[in-house]
Amino acid sequence: MAMKPACGGAMTRIAENQWYGPTRNYDIEVSDPLGRKREPDSVNFNTDLYHWYKGLISIRRQHKALSRGDLNFFLLNDEEHVVAYSRTLGDEMIIIVVNNSNDKKIRRDHNIGRRGK
């Protein structure tokens, strides 16, 4: 049996599988805060999104520069919602370009040079 602190610092014995925390009941919410009825939320597993993140995690694990490298932002374009930065660790340099706009194409005339040039 495990020990649990009681009032005054004394220890009491409790069964291993006994839970003393608050009991939570997660019922489906069918009303809003004002009590009006609403449809329950549907929660579906997004397999495509799961595999996308799984791939990103794999790339991050393969390249230590992505988690430990020096960070250098060199392109911030608020009009096109684009950001680019590099992560450098030792001889490894990785350039990341993020397009957060609704347009899938961005201008390519940005000056993204290589190290040493």
C-alpha atoms as a PDB file:
ATOM      1  CA  MET A   1       0.000   0.000   0.000  1.00  0.00           C
ATOM      2  CA  ALA A   2       1.090   3.536  -0.739  1.00  0.00           C
ATOM      3  CA  MET A   3       1.365   6.328   1.789  1.00  0.00           C
ATOM      4  CA  LYS A   4      -0.573   9.582   1.587  1.00  0.00           C
ATOM      5  CA  PRO A   5       0.066  12.690   3.718  1.00  0.00           C
ATOM      6  CA  ALA A   6      -2.797  13.356   6.092  1.00  0.00           C
ATOM      7  CA  CYS A   7      -3.616  16.451   8.161  1.00  0.00           C
ATOM      8  CA  GLY A   8      -0.761  17.458  10.439  1.00  0.00           C
ATOM      9  CA  GLY A   9       1.861  15.738   8.273  1.00  0.00           C
ATOM     10  CA  ALA A  10       1.060  12.184   9.404  1.00  0.00           C
ATOM     11  CA  MET A  11       1.038   9.478   6.745  1.00  0.00           C
ATOM     12  CA  THR A  12      -1.945   7.212   6.123  1.00  0.00           C
ATOM     13  CA  ARG A  13      -2.136   4.076   4.032  1.00  0.00           C
ATOM     14  CA  ILE A  14      -4.200   4.059   0.809  1.00  0.00           C
ATOM     15  CA  ALA A  15      -4.887   1.374  -1.781  1.00  0.00           C
ATOM     16  CA  GLU A  16      -2.718   1.615  -4.931  1.00  0.00           C
ATOM     17  CA  ASN A  17      -5.649   2.053  -7.334  1.00  0.00           C
ATOM     18  CA  GLN A  18      -7.633   4.547  -5.245  1.00  0.00           C
ATOM     19  CA  TRP A  19      -8.073   8.029  -6.748  1.00  0.00           C
ATOM     20  CA  TYR A  20      -8.616  11.033  -4.475  1.00  0.00           C
ATOM     21  CA  GLY A  21      -8.599  13.724  -7.149  1.00  0.00           C
ATOM     22  CA  PRO A  22     -11.664  15.501  -8.543  1.00  0.00           C
ATOM     23  CA  THR A  23     -13.978  13.436 -10.680  1.00  0.00           C
ATOM     24  CA  ARG A  24     -14.504  14.939 -14.095  1.00  0.00           C
ATOM     25  CA  ASN A  25     -17.473  14.064 -16.260  1.00  0.00           C
ATOM     26  CA  TYR A  26     -16.975  15.065 -19.892  1.00  0.00           C
ATOM     27  CA  ASP A  27     -20.473  15.004 -21.300  1.00  0.00           C
ATOM     28  CA  ILE A  28     -21.147  16.166 -24.834  1.00  0.00           C
ATOM     29  CA  GLU A  29     -21.981  19.860 -24.752  1.00  0.00           C
ATOM     30  CA  VAL A  30     -25.398  20.353 -26.313  1.00  0.00           C
ATOM     31  CA  SER A  31     -26.047  23.888 -25.105  1.00  0.00           C
ATOM     32  CA  ASP A  32     -24.165  27.172 -25.162  1.00  0.00           C
ATOM     33  CA  PRO A  33     -23.331  29.195 -22.011  1.00  0.00           C
ATOM     34  CA  LEU A  34     -26.777  30.837 -22.181  1.00  0.00           C
ATOM     35  CA  GLY A  35     -28.534  27.455 -22.206  1.00  0.00           C
ATOM     36  CA  ARG A  36     -29.582  27.519 -25.867  1.00  0.00           C
ATOM     37  CA  LYS A  37     -29.522  24.166 -27.651  1.00  0.00           C
ATOM     38  CA  ARG A  38     -26.807  23.572 -30.244  1.00  0.00           C
ATOM     39  CA  GLU A  39     -25.427  20.710 -32.264  1.00  0.00           C
ATOM     40  CA  PRO A  40     -22.611  18.771 -30.578  1.00  0.00           C
ATOM     41  CA  ASP A  41     -19.136  19.352 -31.961  1.00  0.00           C
ATOM     42  CA  SER A  42     -17.847  16.637 -34.217  1.00  0.00           C
ATOM     43  CA  VAL A  43     -14.242  15.632 -33.678  1.00  0.00           C
ATOM     44  CA  ASN A  44     -12.548  13.723 -36.456  1.00  0.00           C
ATOM     45  CA  PHE A  45      -8.966  12.534 -36.703  1.00  0.00           C
ATOM     46  CA  ASN A  46      -7.181  14.277 -39.588  1.00  0.00           C
ATOM     47  CA  THR A  47      -4.868  11.609 -41.028  1.00  0.00           C
ATOM     48  CA  ASP A  48      -3.286  13.969 -43.585  1.00  0.00           C
ATOM     49  CA  LEU A  49      -2.421  16.533 -40.926  1.00  0.00           C
ATOM     50  CA  TYR A  50      -1.057  13.778 -38.670  1.00  0.00           C
ATOM     51  CA  HIS A  51       1.286  12.509 -41.398  1.00  0.00           C
ATOM     52  CA  TRP A  52       2.336  16.082 -42.266  1.00  0.00           C
ATOM     53  CA  TYR A  53       3.444  16.740 -38.681  1.00  0.00           C
ATOM     54  CA  LYS A  54       5.007  13.299 -38.412  1.00  0.00           C
ATOM     55  CA  GLY A  55       7.125  14.133 -41.472  1.00  0.00           C
ATOM     56  CA  LEU A  56       8.131  17.516 -40.020  1.00  0.00           C
ATOM     57  CA  ILE A  57       9.168  15.869 -36.758  1.00  0.00           C
ATOM     58  CA  SER A  58      11.251  13.347 -38.691  1.00  0.00           C
ATOM     59  CA  ILE A  59      13.057  16.144 -40.570  1.00  0.00           C
ATOM     60  CA  ARG A  60      13.675  18.016 -37.310  1.00  0.00           C
ATOM     61  CA  ARG A  61      15.205  14.910 -35.721  1.00  0.00           C
ATOM     62  CA  GLN A  62      17.504  14.366 -38.725  1.00  0.00           C
ATOM     63  CA  HIS A  63      18.886  17.923 -38.672  1.00  0.00           C
ATOM     64  CA  LYS A  64      20.135  19.182 -35.301  1.00  0.00           C
ATOM     65  CA  ALA A  65      20.458  22.696 -36.765  1.00  0.00           C
ATOM     66  CA  LEU A  66      16.645  22.952 -36.752  1.00  0.00           C
ATOM     67  CA  SER A  67      16.488  22.624 -32.971  1.00  0.00           C
ATOM     68  CA  ARG A  68      19.861  23.908 -31.780  1.00  0.00           C
ATOM     69  CA  GLY A  69      21.202  26.117 -34.545  1.00  0.00           C
ATOM     70  CA  ASP A  70      21.656  29.865 -34.608  1.00  0.00           C
ATOM     71  CA  LEU A  71      18.536  31.642 -35.838  1.00  0.00           C
ATOM     72  CA  ASN A  72      18.730  34.412 -38.460  1.00  0.00           C
ATOM     73  CA  PHE A  73      15.620  36.039 -39.959  1.00  0.00           C
ATOM     74  CA  PHE A  74      16.402  37.568 -43.341  1.00  0.00           C
ATOM     75  CA  LEU A  75      13.024  38.014 -45.033  1.00  0.00           C
ATOM     76  CA  LEU A  76       9.890  39.397 -43.451  1.00  0.00           C
ATOM     77  CA  ASN A  77       7.261  40.441 -45.965  1.00  0.00           C
ATOM     78  CA  ASP A  78       4.016  41.460 -44.279  1.00  0.00           C
ATOM     79  CA  GLU A  79       2.319  42.274 -47.594  1.00  0.00           C
ATOM     80  CA  GLU A  80       2.782  38.735 -48.953  1.00  0.00           C
ATOM     81  CA  HIS A  81       2.654  37.056 -45.521  1.00  0.00           C
ATOM     82  CA  VAL A  82       6.046  35.436 -46.074  1.00  0.00           C
ATOM     83  CA  VAL A  83       8.859  34.864 -43.622  1.00  0.00           C
ATOM     84  CA  ALA A  84      12.241  33.259 -44.261  1.00  0.00           C
ATOM     85  CA  TYR A  85      14.979  32.395 -41.837  1.00  0.00           C
ATOM     86  CA  SER A  86      18.034  30.204 -41.532  1.00  0.00           C
ATOM     87  CA  ARG A  87      19.226  27.838 -38.817  1.00  0.00           C
ATOM     88  CA  THR A  88      22.967  27.212 -38.693  1.00  0.00           C
ATOM     89  CA  LEU A  89      24.863  24.682 -36.604  1.00  0.00           C
ATOM     90  CA  GLY A  90      28.472  24.011 -37.505  1.00  0.00           C
ATOM     91  CA  ASP A  91      28.689  23.409 -41.263  1.00  0.00           C
ATOM     92  CA  GLU A  92      24.975  22.737 -41.628  1.00  0.00           C
ATOM     93  CA  MET A  93      22.761  25.634 -42.725  1.00  0.00           C
ATOM     94  CA  ILE A  94      19.051  25.186 -43.419  1.00  0.00           C
ATOM     95  CA  ILE A  95      16.841  27.856 -44.966  1.00  0.00           C
ATOM     96  CA  ILE A  96      13.143  27.826 -44.098  1.00  0.00           C
ATOM     97  CA  VAL A  97      10.592  29.824 -46.093  1.00  0.00           C
ATOM     98  CA  VAL A  98       7.012  30.013 -44.804  1.00  0.00           C
ATOM     99  CA  ASN A  99       4.182  31.264 -47.026  1.00  0.00           C
ATOM    100  CA  ASN A 100       1.210  32.059 -44.799  1.00  0.00           C
ATOM    101  CA  SER A 101      -0.864  33.726 -47.505  1.00  0.00           C
ATOM    102  CA  ASN A 102      -3.860  32.325 -49.328  1.00  0.00           C
ATOM    103  CA  ASP A 103      -1.897  32.607 -52.571  1.00  0.00           C
ATOM    104  CA  LYS A 104       0.195  29.505 -53.265  1.00  0.00           C
ATOM    105  CA  LYS A 105       2.711  31.475 -55.320  1.00  0.00           C
ATOM    106  CA  ILE A 106       5.045  34.138 -54.045  1.00  0.00           C
ATOM    107  CA  ARG A 107       7.456  36.390 -55.897  1.00  0.00           C
ATOM    108  CA  ARG A 108      10.833  34.797 -56.411  1.00  0.00           C
ATOM    109  CA  ASP A 109      12.818  37.993 -56.743  1.00  0.00           C
ATOM    110  CA  HIS A 110      13.665  38.058 -53.043  1.00  0.00           C
ATOM    111  CA  ASN A 111      17.400  38.220 -52.442  1.00  0.00           C
ATOM    112  CA  ILE A 112      18.075  34.892 -50.766  1.00  0.00           C
ATOM    113  CA  GLY A 113      21.826  34.495 -51.001  1.00  0.00           C
ATOM    114  CA  ARG A 114      24.120  31.730 -49.883  1.00  0.00           C
ATOM    115  CA  ARG A 115      26.510  32.010 -46.995  1.00  0.00           C
ATOM    116  CA  GLY A 116      29.755  33.607 -48.059  1.00  0.00           C
ATOM    117  CA  LYS A 117      28.283  35.368 -51.098  1.00  0.00           C
END
